[in-house]
Amino acid sequence: KPYLGHIPREAVRASWSGLRPLVARPEADTARLARDHLIQKSA
């Protein structure tokens, strides 16, 4: 809104949600988790 002005809800033609897989670190906010990848070999 501060950049493009008011856009009404009915202007939304489609919406969707996706999940990001983030490698967990204790006490980390998801917005601050790095998107680096991990390879793990189980026993």
ModelCIF file with pLDDT and N, C-alpha, C, O atoms, coordinates in Angstrom:
data_MODEL
#
_entry.id   MODEL 
#
_entity.id                         1 
_entity.type                       polymer 
_entity.pdbx_number_of_molecules   1 
#
_entity_poly.entity_id                      1 
_entity_poly.type                           'polypeptide(L)' 
_entity_poly.nstd_linkage                   no 
_entity_poly.nstd_monomer                   no 
_entity_poly.pdbx_seq_one_letter_code       KPYLGHIPREAVRASWSGLRPLVARPEADTARLARDHLIQKSA 
_entity_poly.pdbx_seq_one_letter_code_can   KPYLGHIPREAVRASWSGLRPLVARPEADTARLARDHLIQKSA 
_entity_poly.pdbx_strand_id                 A 
#
loop_
_entity_poly_seq.entity_id 
_entity_poly_seq.num 
_entity_poly_seq.mon_id 
_entity_poly_seq.hetero 
1 1  LYS n 
1 2  PRO n 
1 3  TYR n 
1 4  LEU n 
1 5  GLY n 
1 6  HIS n 
1 7  ILE n 
1 8  PRO n 
1 9  ARG n 
1 10 GLU n 
1 11 ALA n 
1 12 VAL n 
1 13 ARG n 
1 14 ALA n 
1 15 SER n 
1 16 TRP n 
1 17 SER n 
1 18 GLY n 
1 19 LEU n 
1 20 ARG n 
1 21 PRO n 
1 22 LEU n 
1 23 VAL n 
1 24 ALA n 
1 25 ARG n 
1 26 PRO n 
1 27 GLU n 
1 28 ALA n 
1 29 ASP n 
1 30 THR n 
1 31 ALA n 
1 32 ARG n 
1 33 LEU n 
1 34 ALA n 
1 35 ARG n 
1 36 ASP n 
1 37 HIS n 
1 38 LEU n 
1 39 ILE n 
1 40 GLN n 
1 41 LYS n 
1 42 SER n 
1 43 ALA n 
#
_struct_asym.id          A 
_struct_asym.entity_id   1 
#
loop_
_ma_qa_metric.id 
_ma_qa_metric.mode 
_ma_qa_metric.name 
_ma_qa_metric.software_group_id 
_ma_qa_metric.type 
1 global pLDDT . pLDDT 
2 local  pLDDT . pLDDT 
#
_ma_qa_metric_global.metric_id      1 
_ma_qa_metric_global.metric_value   80.00 
_ma_qa_metric_global.model_id       1 
_ma_qa_metric_global.ordinal_id     1 
#
loop_
_ma_qa_metric_local.label_asym_id 
_ma_qa_metric_local.label_comp_id 
_ma_qa_metric_local.label_seq_id 
_ma_qa_metric_local.metric_id 
_ma_qa_metric_local.metric_value 
_ma_qa_metric_local.model_id 
_ma_qa_metric_local.ordinal_id 
A LYS 1  2 95.00 1 1  
A PRO 2  2 94.00 1 2  
A TYR 3  2 95.00 1 3  
A LEU 4  2 95.00 1 4  
A GLY 5  2 95.00 1 5  
A HIS 6  2 96.00 1 6  
A ILE 7  2 97.00 1 7  
A PRO 8  2 97.00 1 8  
A ARG 9  2 96.00 1 9  
A GLU 10 2 96.00 1 10 
A ALA 11 2 97.00 1 11 
A VAL 12 2 97.00 1 12 
A ARG 13 2 97.00 1 13 
A ALA 14 2 97.00 1 14 
A SER 15 2 96.00 1 15 
A TRP 16 2 95.00 1 16 
A SER 17 2 94.00 1 17 
A GLY 18 2 93.00 1 18 
A LEU 19 2 91.00 1 19 
A ARG 20 2 86.00 1 20 
A PRO 21 2 85.00 1 21 
A LEU 22 2 81.00 1 22 
A VAL 23 2 81.00 1 23 
A ALA 24 2 76.00 1 24 
A ARG 25 2 57.00 1 25 
A PRO 26 2 44.00 1 26 
A GLU 27 2 42.00 1 27 
A ALA 28 2 42.00 1 28 
A ASP 29 2 40.00 1 29 
A THR 30 2 43.00 1 30 
A ALA 31 2 43.00 1 31 
A ARG 32 2 41.00 1 32 
A LEU 33 2 44.00 1 33 
A ALA 34 2 47.00 1 34 
A ARG 35 2 54.00 1 35 
A ASP 36 2 75.00 1 36 
A HIS 37 2 84.00 1 37 
A LEU 38 2 88.00 1 38 
A ILE 39 2 93.00 1 39 
A GLN 40 2 94.00 1 40 
A LYS 41 2 95.00 1 41 
A SER 42 2 96.00 1 42 
A ALA 43 2 96.00 1 43 
#
loop_
_atom_site.group_PDB 
_atom_site.id 
_atom_site.type_symbol 
_atom_site.label_atom_id 
_atom_site.label_alt_id 
_atom_site.label_comp_id 
_atom_site.label_asym_id 
_atom_site.label_entity_id 
_atom_site.label_seq_id 
_atom_site.pdbx_PDB_ins_code 
_atom_site.Cartn_x 
_atom_site.Cartn_y 
_atom_site.Cartn_z 
_atom_site.occupancy 
_atom_site.B_iso_or_equiv 
_atom_site.pdbx_formal_charge 
_atom_site.auth_seq_id 
_atom_site.auth_comp_id 
_atom_site.auth_asym_id 
_atom_site.auth_atom_id 
_atom_site.pdbx_PDB_model_num 
ATOM 1   N N  . LYS A 1 1  ? 0.810   -1.227  0.000  1.00 95.00 ? 1  LYS A N  1 
ATOM 2   C CA . LYS A 1 1  ? 0.000   0.000   0.000  1.00 95.00 ? 1  LYS A CA 1 
ATOM 3   C C  . LYS A 1 1  ? 0.843   1.276   0.000  1.00 95.00 ? 1  LYS A C  1 
ATOM 4   O O  . LYS A 1 1  ? 0.525   2.190   -0.761 1.00 95.00 ? 1  LYS A O  1 
ATOM 5   N N  . PRO A 1 2  ? 1.922   1.392   0.828  1.00 94.00 ? 2  PRO A N  1 
ATOM 6   C CA . PRO A 1 2  ? 2.712   2.634   0.799  1.00 94.00 ? 2  PRO A CA 1 
ATOM 7   C C  . PRO A 1 2  ? 3.390   2.902   -0.544 1.00 94.00 ? 2  PRO A C  1 
ATOM 8   O O  . PRO A 1 2  ? 3.769   4.037   -0.830 1.00 94.00 ? 2  PRO A O  1 
ATOM 9   N N  . TYR A 1 3  ? 3.543   1.879   -1.357 1.00 95.00 ? 3  TYR A N  1 
ATOM 10  C CA . TYR A 1 3  ? 4.272   2.008   -2.626 1.00 95.00 ? 3  TYR A CA 1 
ATOM 11  C C  . TYR A 1 3  ? 3.334   2.093   -3.832 1.00 95.00 ? 3  TYR A C  1 
ATOM 12  O O  . TYR A 1 3  ? 3.601   2.842   -4.772 1.00 95.00 ? 3  TYR A O  1 
ATOM 13  N N  . LEU A 1 4  ? 2.229   1.325   -3.808 1.00 95.00 ? 4  LEU A N  1 
ATOM 14  C CA . LEU A 1 4  ? 1.327   1.257   -4.963 1.00 95.00 ? 4  LEU A CA 1 
ATOM 15  C C  . LEU A 1 4  ? -0.069  1.792   -4.662 1.00 95.00 ? 4  LEU A C  1 
ATOM 16  O O  . LEU A 1 4  ? -0.921  1.825   -5.550 1.00 95.00 ? 4  LEU A O  1 
ATOM 17  N N  . GLY A 1 5  ? -0.314  2.212   -3.420 1.00 95.00 ? 5  GLY A N  1 
ATOM 18  C CA . GLY A 1 5  ? -1.649  2.667   -3.051 1.00 95.00 ? 5  GLY A CA 1 
ATOM 19  C C  . GLY A 1 5  ? -2.535  1.500   -2.633 1.00 95.00 ? 5  GLY A C  1 
ATOM 20  O O  . GLY A 1 5  ? -2.110  0.345   -2.645 1.00 95.00 ? 5  GLY A O  1 
ATOM 21  N N  . HIS A 1 6  ? -3.762  1.817   -2.267 1.00 96.00 ? 6  HIS A N  1 
ATOM 22  C CA . HIS A 1 6  ? -4.697  0.787   -1.794 1.00 96.00 ? 6  HIS A CA 1 
ATOM 23  C C  . HIS A 1 6  ? -5.094  -0.149  -2.928 1.00 96.00 ? 6  HIS A C  1 
ATOM 24  O O  . HIS A 1 6  ? -5.495  0.295   -4.004 1.00 96.00 ? 6  HIS A O  1 
ATOM 25  N N  . ILE A 1 7  ? -4.979  -1.450  -2.674 1.00 97.00 ? 7  ILE A N  1 
ATOM 26  C CA . ILE A 1 7  ? -5.436  -2.470  -3.628 1.00 97.00 ? 7  ILE A CA 1 
ATOM 27  C C  . ILE A 1 7  ? -6.519  -3.282  -2.919 1.00 97.00 ? 7  ILE A C  1 
ATOM 28  O O  . ILE A 1 7  ? -6.235  -3.921  -1.906 1.00 97.00 ? 7  ILE A O  1 
ATOM 29  N N  . PRO A 1 8  ? -7.752  -3.272  -3.427 1.00 97.00 ? 8  PRO A N  1 
ATOM 30  C CA . PRO A 1 8  ? -8.844  -3.966  -2.725 1.00 97.00 ? 8  PRO A CA 1 
ATOM 31  C C  . PRO A 1 8  ? -8.671  -5.479  -2.753 1.00 97.00 ? 8  PRO A C  1 
ATOM 32  O O  . PRO A 1 8  ? -8.043  -6.027  -3.659 1.00 97.00 ? 8  PRO A O  1 
ATOM 33  N N  . ARG A 1 9  ? -9.233  -6.140  -1.756 1.00 96.00 ? 9  ARG A N  1 
ATOM 34  C CA . ARG A 1 9  ? -9.156  -7.608  -1.667 1.00 96.00 ? 9  ARG A CA 1 
ATOM 35  C C  . ARG A 1 9  ? -9.705  -8.272  -2.914 1.00 96.00 ? 9  ARG A C  1 
ATOM 36  O O  . ARG A 1 9  ? -9.180  -9.295  -3.355 1.00 96.00 ? 9  ARG A O  1 
ATOM 37  N N  . GLU A 1 10 ? -10.773 -7.693  -3.495 1.00 96.00 ? 10 GLU A N  1 
ATOM 38  C CA . GLU A 1 10 ? -11.393 -8.329  -4.671 1.00 96.00 ? 10 GLU A CA 1 
ATOM 39  C C  . GLU A 1 10 ? -10.517 -8.251  -5.917 1.00 96.00 ? 10 GLU A C  1 
ATOM 40  O O  . GLU A 1 10 ? -10.830 -8.869  -6.935 1.00 96.00 ? 10 GLU A O  1 
ATOM 41  N N  . ALA A 1 11 ? -9.414  -7.492  -5.843 1.00 97.00 ? 11 ALA A N  1 
ATOM 42  C CA . ALA A 1 11 ? -8.480  -7.448  -6.977 1.00 97.00 ? 11 ALA A CA 1 
ATOM 43  C C  . ALA A 1 11 ? -7.594  -8.686  -7.034 1.00 97.00 ? 11 ALA A C  1 
ATOM 44  O O  . ALA A 1 11 ? -6.907  -8.911  -8.030 1.00 97.00 ? 11 ALA A O  1 
ATOM 45  N N  . VAL A 1 12 ? -7.606  -9.495  -5.966 1.00 97.00 ? 12 VAL A N  1 
ATOM 46  C CA . VAL A 1 12 ? -6.776  -10.705 -5.928 1.00 97.00 ? 12 VAL A CA 1 
ATOM 47  C C  . VAL A 1 12 ? -7.435  -11.785 -6.776 1.00 97.00 ? 12 VAL A C  1 
ATOM 48  O O  . VAL A 1 12 ? -8.523  -12.264 -6.455 1.00 97.00 ? 12 VAL A O  1 
ATOM 49  N N  . ARG A 1 13 ? -6.764  -12.164 -7.864 1.00 97.00 ? 13 ARG A N  1 
ATOM 50  C CA . ARG A 1 13 ? -7.340  -13.143 -8.799 1.00 97.00 ? 13 ARG A CA 1 
ATOM 51  C C  . ARG A 1 13 ? -6.976  -14.582 -8.426 1.00 97.00 ? 13 ARG A C  1 
ATOM 52  O O  . ARG A 1 13 ? -7.677  -15.521 -8.804 1.00 97.00 ? 13 ARG A O  1 
ATOM 53  N N  . ALA A 1 14 ? -5.900  -14.746 -7.698 1.00 97.00 ? 14 ALA A N  1 
ATOM 54  C CA . ALA A 1 14 ? -5.485  -16.084 -7.255 1.00 97.00 ? 14 ALA A CA 1 
ATOM 55  C C  . ALA A 1 14 ? -4.536  -15.907 -6.078 1.00 97.00 ? 14 ALA A C  1 
ATOM 56  O O  . ALA A 1 14 ? -3.925  -14.851 -5.918 1.00 97.00 ? 14 ALA A O  1 
ATOM 57  N N  . SER A 1 15 ? -4.415  -16.934 -5.264 1.00 96.00 ? 15 SER A N  1 
ATOM 58  C CA . SER A 1 15 ? -3.457  -16.925 -4.154 1.00 96.00 ? 15 SER A CA 1 
ATOM 59  C C  . SER A 1 15 ? -3.065  -18.359 -3.854 1.00 96.00 ? 15 SER A C  1 
ATOM 60  O O  . SER A 1 15 ? -3.811  -19.296 -4.135 1.00 96.00 ? 15 SER A O  1 
ATOM 61  N N  . TRP A 1 16 ? -1.881  -18.513 -3.279 1.00 95.00 ? 16 TRP A N  1 
ATOM 62  C CA . TRP A 1 16 ? -1.441  -19.852 -2.892 1.00 95.00 ? 16 TRP A CA 1 
ATOM 63  C C  . TRP A 1 16 ? -0.391  -19.746 -1.802 1.00 95.00 ? 16 TRP A C  1 
ATOM 64  O O  . TRP A 1 16 ? 0.162   -18.675 -1.549 1.00 95.00 ? 16 TRP A O  1 
ATOM 65  N N  . SER A 1 17 ? -0.127  -20.872 -1.164 1.00 94.00 ? 17 SER A N  1 
ATOM 66  C CA . SER A 1 17 ? 0.869   -20.940 -0.104 1.00 94.00 ? 17 SER A CA 1 
ATOM 67  C C  . SER A 1 17 ? 1.824   -22.089 -0.376 1.00 94.00 ? 17 SER A C  1 
ATOM 68  O O  . SER A 1 17 ? 1.415   -23.134 -0.882 1.00 94.00 ? 17 SER A O  1 
ATOM 69  N N  . GLY A 1 18 ? 3.082   -21.903 -0.044 1.00 93.00 ? 18 GLY A N  1 
ATOM 70  C CA . GLY A 1 18 ? 4.078   -22.963 -0.187 1.00 93.00 ? 18 GLY A CA 1 
ATOM 71  C C  . GLY A 1 18 ? 4.899   -23.089 1.090  1.00 93.00 ? 18 GLY A C  1 
ATOM 72  O O  . GLY A 1 18 ? 5.002   -22.144 1.872  1.00 93.00 ? 18 GLY A O  1 
ATOM 73  N N  . LEU A 1 19 ? 5.478   -24.262 1.291  1.00 91.00 ? 19 LEU A N  1 
ATOM 74  C CA . LEU A 1 19 ? 6.285   -24.508 2.487  1.00 91.00 ? 19 LEU A CA 1 
ATOM 75  C C  . LEU A 1 19 ? 7.770   -24.538 2.133  1.00 91.00 ? 19 LEU A C  1 
ATOM 76  O O  . LEU A 1 19 ? 8.179   -25.208 1.184  1.00 91.00 ? 19 LEU A O  1 
ATOM 77  N N  . ARG A 1 20 ? 8.563   -23.812 2.897  1.00 86.00 ? 20 ARG A N  1 
ATOM 78  C CA . ARG A 1 20 ? 10.016  -23.868 2.722  1.00 86.00 ? 20 ARG A CA 1 
ATOM 79  C C  . ARG A 1 20 ? 10.593  -24.884 3.714  1.00 86.00 ? 20 ARG A C  1 
ATOM 80  O O  . ARG A 1 20 ? 10.279  -24.833 4.903  1.00 86.00 ? 20 ARG A O  1 
ATOM 81  N N  . PRO A 1 21 ? 11.429  -25.801 3.235  1.00 85.00 ? 21 PRO A N  1 
ATOM 82  C CA . PRO A 1 21 ? 12.113  -26.710 4.169  1.00 85.00 ? 21 PRO A CA 1 
ATOM 83  C C  . PRO A 1 21 ? 13.391  -26.056 4.685  1.00 85.00 ? 21 PRO A C  1 
ATOM 84  O O  . PRO A 1 21 ? 14.352  -25.898 3.932  1.00 85.00 ? 21 PRO A O  1 
ATOM 85  N N  . LEU A 1 22 ? 13.411  -25.683 5.931  1.00 81.00 ? 22 LEU A N  1 
ATOM 86  C CA . LEU A 1 22 ? 14.566  -25.004 6.516  1.00 81.00 ? 22 LEU A CA 1 
ATOM 87  C C  . LEU A 1 22 ? 15.248  -25.920 7.517  1.00 81.00 ? 22 LEU A C  1 
ATOM 88  O O  . LEU A 1 22 ? 14.595  -26.489 8.391  1.00 81.00 ? 22 LEU A O  1 
ATOM 89  N N  . VAL A 1 23 ? 16.547  -26.061 7.391  1.00 81.00 ? 23 VAL A N  1 
ATOM 90  C CA . VAL A 1 23 ? 17.291  -26.912 8.318  1.00 81.00 ? 23 VAL A CA 1 
ATOM 91  C C  . VAL A 1 23 ? 17.225  -26.283 9.697  1.00 81.00 ? 23 VAL A C  1 
ATOM 92  O O  . VAL A 1 23 ? 17.653  -25.145 9.892  1.00 81.00 ? 23 VAL A O  1 
ATOM 93  N N  . ALA A 1 24 ? 16.683  -27.036 10.663 1.00 76.00 ? 24 ALA A N  1 
ATOM 94  C CA . ALA A 1 24 ? 16.369  -26.472 11.979 1.00 76.00 ? 24 ALA A CA 1 
ATOM 95  C C  . ALA A 1 24 ? 17.621  -26.152 12.768 1.00 76.00 ? 24 ALA A C  1 
ATOM 96  O O  . ALA A 1 24 ? 18.592  -26.909 12.775 1.00 76.00 ? 24 ALA A O  1 
ATOM 97  N N  . ARG A 1 25 ? 17.570  -25.009 13.433 1.00 57.00 ? 25 ARG A N  1 
ATOM 98  C CA . ARG A 1 25 ? 18.579  -24.657 14.426 1.00 57.00 ? 25 ARG A CA 1 
ATOM 99  C C  . ARG A 1 25 ? 17.835  -24.151 15.648 1.00 57.00 ? 25 ARG A C  1 
ATOM 100 O O  . ARG A 1 25 ? 16.926  -23.333 15.509 1.00 57.00 ? 25 ARG A O  1 
ATOM 101 N N  . PRO A 1 26 ? 18.184  -24.602 16.825 1.00 44.00 ? 26 PRO A N  1 
ATOM 102 C CA . PRO A 1 26 ? 17.473  -24.166 18.019 1.00 44.00 ? 26 PRO A CA 1 
ATOM 103 C C  . PRO A 1 26 ? 17.466  -22.639 18.138 1.00 44.00 ? 26 PRO A C  1 
ATOM 104 O O  . PRO A 1 26 ? 18.462  -21.978 17.846 1.00 44.00 ? 26 PRO A O  1 
ATOM 105 N N  . GLU A 1 27 ? 16.354  -22.106 18.561 1.00 42.00 ? 27 GLU A N  1 
ATOM 106 C CA . GLU A 1 27 ? 16.180  -20.681 18.854 1.00 42.00 ? 27 GLU A CA 1 
ATOM 107 C C  . GLU A 1 27 ? 16.255  -19.797 17.611 1.00 42.00 ? 27 GLU A C  1 
ATOM 108 O O  . GLU A 1 27 ? 16.408  -18.582 17.740 1.00 42.00 ? 27 GLU A O  1 
ATOM 109 N N  . ALA A 1 28 ? 16.153  -20.373 16.410 1.00 42.00 ? 28 ALA A N  1 
ATOM 110 C CA . ALA A 1 28 ? 16.257  -19.543 15.200 1.00 42.00 ? 28 ALA A CA 1 
ATOM 111 C C  . ALA A 1 28 ? 14.868  -19.227 14.661 1.00 42.00 ? 28 ALA A C  1 
ATOM 112 O O  . ALA A 1 28 ? 14.016  -20.108 14.546 1.00 42.00 ? 28 ALA A O  1 
ATOM 113 N N  . ASP A 1 29 ? 14.656  -17.952 14.332 1.00 40.00 ? 29 ASP A N  1 
ATOM 114 C CA . ASP A 1 29 ? 13.428  -17.525 13.670 1.00 40.00 ? 29 ASP A CA 1 
ATOM 115 C C  . ASP A 1 29 ? 13.468  -18.044 12.236 1.00 40.00 ? 29 ASP A C  1 
ATOM 116 O O  . ASP A 1 29 ? 14.531  -18.036 11.615 1.00 40.00 ? 29 ASP A O  1 
ATOM 117 N N  . THR A 1 30 ? 12.322  -18.501 11.689 1.00 43.00 ? 30 THR A N  1 
ATOM 118 C CA . THR A 1 30 ? 12.350  -19.063 10.327 1.00 43.00 ? 30 THR A CA 1 
ATOM 119 C C  . THR A 1 30 ? 12.777  -18.017 9.301  1.00 43.00 ? 30 THR A C  1 
ATOM 120 O O  . THR A 1 30 ? 13.378  -18.361 8.283  1.00 43.00 ? 30 THR A O  1 
ATOM 121 N N  . ALA A 1 31 ? 12.474  -16.750 9.556  1.00 43.00 ? 31 ALA A N  1 
ATOM 122 C CA . ALA A 1 31 ? 12.871  -15.711 8.601  1.00 43.00 ? 31 ALA A CA 1 
ATOM 123 C C  . ALA A 1 31 ? 14.383  -15.531 8.558  1.00 43.00 ? 31 ALA A C  1 
ATOM 124 O O  . ALA A 1 31 ? 14.909  -14.947 7.611  1.00 43.00 ? 31 ALA A O  1 
ATOM 125 N N  . ARG A 1 32 ? 15.095  -16.030 9.586  1.00 41.00 ? 32 ARG A N  1 
ATOM 126 C CA . ARG A 1 32 ? 16.545  -15.849 9.653  1.00 41.00 ? 32 ARG A CA 1 
ATOM 127 C C  . ARG A 1 32 ? 17.324  -17.139 9.412  1.00 41.00 ? 32 ARG A C  1 
ATOM 128 O O  . ARG A 1 32 ? 18.554  -17.134 9.439  1.00 41.00 ? 32 ARG A O  1 
ATOM 129 N N  . LEU A 1 33 ? 16.622  -18.234 9.178  1.00 44.00 ? 33 LEU A N  1 
ATOM 130 C CA . LEU A 1 33 ? 17.337  -19.475 8.878  1.00 44.00 ? 33 LEU A CA 1 
ATOM 131 C C  . LEU A 1 33 ? 17.903  -19.409 7.470  1.00 44.00 ? 33 LEU A C  1 
ATOM 132 O O  . LEU A 1 33 ? 17.212  -18.996 6.539  1.00 44.00 ? 33 LEU A O  1 
ATOM 133 N N  . ALA A 1 34 ? 19.133  -19.808 7.313  1.00 47.00 ? 34 ALA A N  1 
ATOM 134 C CA . ALA A 1 34 ? 19.760  -19.827 5.988  1.00 47.00 ? 34 ALA A CA 1 
ATOM 135 C C  . ALA A 1 34 ? 19.123  -20.911 5.138  1.00 47.00 ? 34 ALA A C  1 
ATOM 136 O O  . ALA A 1 34 ? 18.607  -21.901 5.657  1.00 47.00 ? 34 ALA A O  1 
ATOM 137 N N  . ARG A 1 35 ? 19.164  -20.712 3.814  1.00 54.00 ? 35 ARG A N  1 
ATOM 138 C CA . ARG A 1 35 ? 18.581  -21.704 2.913  1.00 54.00 ? 35 ARG A CA 1 
ATOM 139 C C  . ARG A 1 35 ? 19.665  -22.640 2.391  1.00 54.00 ? 35 ARG A C  1 
ATOM 140 O O  . ARG A 1 35 ? 19.547  -23.157 1.280  1.00 54.00 ? 35 ARG A O  1 
ATOM 141 N N  . ASP A 1 36 ? 20.726  -22.869 3.177  1.00 75.00 ? 36 ASP A N  1 
ATOM 142 C CA . ASP A 1 36 ? 21.750  -23.804 2.752  1.00 75.00 ? 36 ASP A CA 1 
ATOM 143 C C  . ASP A 1 36 ? 21.218  -25.230 2.908  1.00 75.00 ? 36 ASP A C  1 
ATOM 144 O O  . ASP A 1 36 ? 20.295  -25.476 3.684  1.00 75.00 ? 36 ASP A O  1 
ATOM 145 N N  . HIS A 1 37 ? 21.814  -26.167 2.159  1.00 84.00 ? 37 HIS A N  1 
ATOM 146 C CA . HIS A 1 37 ? 21.273  -27.524 2.144  1.00 84.00 ? 37 HIS A CA 1 
ATOM 147 C C  . HIS A 1 37 ? 22.107  -28.465 3.000  1.00 84.00 ? 37 HIS A C  1 
ATOM 148 O O  . HIS A 1 37 ? 23.225  -28.154 3.412  1.00 84.00 ? 37 HIS A O  1 
ATOM 149 N N  . LEU A 1 38 ? 21.520  -29.617 3.248  1.00 88.00 ? 38 LEU A N  1 
ATOM 150 C CA . LEU A 1 38 ? 22.124  -30.603 4.126  1.00 88.00 ? 38 LEU A CA 1 
ATOM 151 C C  . LEU A 1 38 ? 22.002  -31.987 3.497  1.00 88.00 ? 38 LEU A C  1 
ATOM 152 O O  . LEU A 1 38 ? 20.946  -32.347 2.976  1.00 88.00 ? 38 LEU A O  1 
ATOM 153 N N  . ILE A 1 39 ? 23.079  -32.758 3.544  1.00 93.00 ? 39 ILE A N  1 
ATOM 154 C CA . ILE A 1 39 ? 23.039  -34.173 3.169  1.00 93.00 ? 39 ILE A CA 1 
ATOM 155 C C  . ILE A 1 39 ? 23.277  -34.977 4.434  1.00 93.00 ? 39 ILE A C  1 
ATOM 156 O O  . ILE A 1 39 ? 24.264  -34.763 5.137  1.00 93.00 ? 39 ILE A O  1 
ATOM 157 N N  . GLN A 1 40 ? 22.372  -35.902 4.722  1.00 94.00 ? 40 GLN A N  1 
ATOM 158 C CA . GLN A 1 40 ? 22.508  -36.734 5.916  1.00 94.00 ? 40 GLN A CA 1 
ATOM 159 C C  . GLN A 1 40 ? 22.419  -38.206 5.522  1.00 94.00 ? 40 GLN A C  1 
ATOM 160 O O  . GLN A 1 40 ? 21.532  -38.599 4.765  1.00 94.00 ? 40 GLN A O  1 
ATOM 161 N N  . LYS A 1 41 ? 23.329  -39.004 6.032  1.00 95.00 ? 41 LYS A N  1 
ATOM 162 C CA . LYS A 1 41 ? 23.285  -40.450 5.841  1.00 95.00 ? 41 LYS A CA 1 
ATOM 163 C C  . LYS A 1 41 ? 22.894  -41.090 7.169  1.00 95.00 ? 41 LYS A C  1 
ATOM 164 O O  . LYS A 1 41 ? 23.557  -40.888 8.186  1.00 95.00 ? 41 LYS A O  1 
ATOM 165 N N  . SER A 1 42 ? 21.801  -41.870 7.146  1.00 96.00 ? 42 SER A N  1 
ATOM 166 C CA . SER A 1 42 ? 21.357  -42.520 8.379  1.00 96.00 ? 42 SER A CA 1 
ATOM 167 C C  . SER A 1 42 ? 22.184  -43.774 8.637  1.00 96.00 ? 42 SER A C  1 
ATOM 168 O O  . SER A 1 42 ? 22.980  -44.189 7.794  1.00 96.00 ? 42 SER A O  1 
ATOM 169 N N  . ALA A 1 43 ? 21.990  -44.369 9.803  1.00 96.00 ? 43 ALA A N  1 
ATOM 170 C CA . ALA A 1 43 ? 22.731  -45.587 10.159 1.00 96.00 ? 43 ALA A CA 1 
ATOM 171 C C  . ALA A 1 43 ? 22.449  -46.718 9.184  1.00 96.00 ? 43 ALA A C  1 
ATOM 172 O O  . ALA A 1 43 ? 22.990  -47.814 9.336  1.00 96.00 ? 43 ALA A O  1 
#
